[in-house]
Amino acid sequence: MCELLGMSASVPTDICFSFTGLIQRGGSTGPHRDGWGIAFYEGKGYRSFHDPGASADSEIARFIQNYSIKSTNVICHIRKANRGRVCLENTHPFARELWGQTWSFAHNGQLKGIKKWPLTYYRPVGTSDSEHAFCWLLDQIRRRYPAPPSSQKSLWRFVEKQLRLIDDTGVFNVLLSDSKSLYCYCSTRLSWLTRKAPFGNAQLIDADLRVDFSRETQPDDIVSVVATQPLTSDEQWHGMEKGQMSVFQNGVSSYESLRLATSPSGRSRQRIKSC
């Protein structure tokens, strides 16, 4: 399957360290050779880079690795193709506009029958099941909320409901952002950590690189990193549970909901934490 990487930070922060580890899994320490992409938010601004080749061999990836782009929200994806041919239009993250904001989306997994789900406002450019799911999701949000809702939590709960519907069709590990929030949904595997004071050292698993974050940060900085699998060997990563959705804002988990079990009525019970 593909691998995901996301970041939410309290201040504009670069992701060079984590990205250096991830791109090695795209053809060097891992088999994800079928393209990669990364998206950065800077206020309302959005910039992205995509390459249909292996990230471990990509000159564009090396440029990103060494160019310190500061961002508060980042989504990254390395691809091992299983649906849709290997080409530029099928590389994640995908992006669309809604309410004057750029939404971006990256997915790990396979979805059975999702391309039969009808679309109204958005259309895929490529042929992947992932992009179709993203278009369907934004269709549902736009239909329910023609204008941005006044309550963020109502939006989060609605997005969660739609993600669960898609998850029922297969494997659906997802990172999604609207520039303000980083949505993380775990179908099978996602891990996360939060770096804050007192900052320490970190050693990458996939590259010979170590960083002392106490020299790179300010005392009030908070940075949360989400990845398919842990990227460092000496930090405490937390595995998300299957059916868990979390929303990070400014580096902090602001919403968390977990599908616990199915009740006798057939409805899923949930545990919700909001901050």
Foldseek 3Di string as FASTA:
>chain_A
DKKKKKKAKLWFWFPLVLLVLVLCLQVHVHPLFQKKKKWAFDPQDIDMDIDRGRSVPDPVSVVSNPDGGTGRIMMMMGHDDDWFHRDGLPYDFDWDDAQSFIKTKDKDWAFPPLVVDDADPDDRPGGGSRSSLVRVLVRVLCVVPVHDDPDPVVVVVVSLVSQVVRLVRIATFMWMDRRFKTKTAHADWKKKDKAAPPFAKWAFPRDGDIDGCNVVDDRGMMMMMMMRDDGTDPDDIDIDDHQKMFMDGNNDTAKIKHFDDADPVRDTDMDIDGD
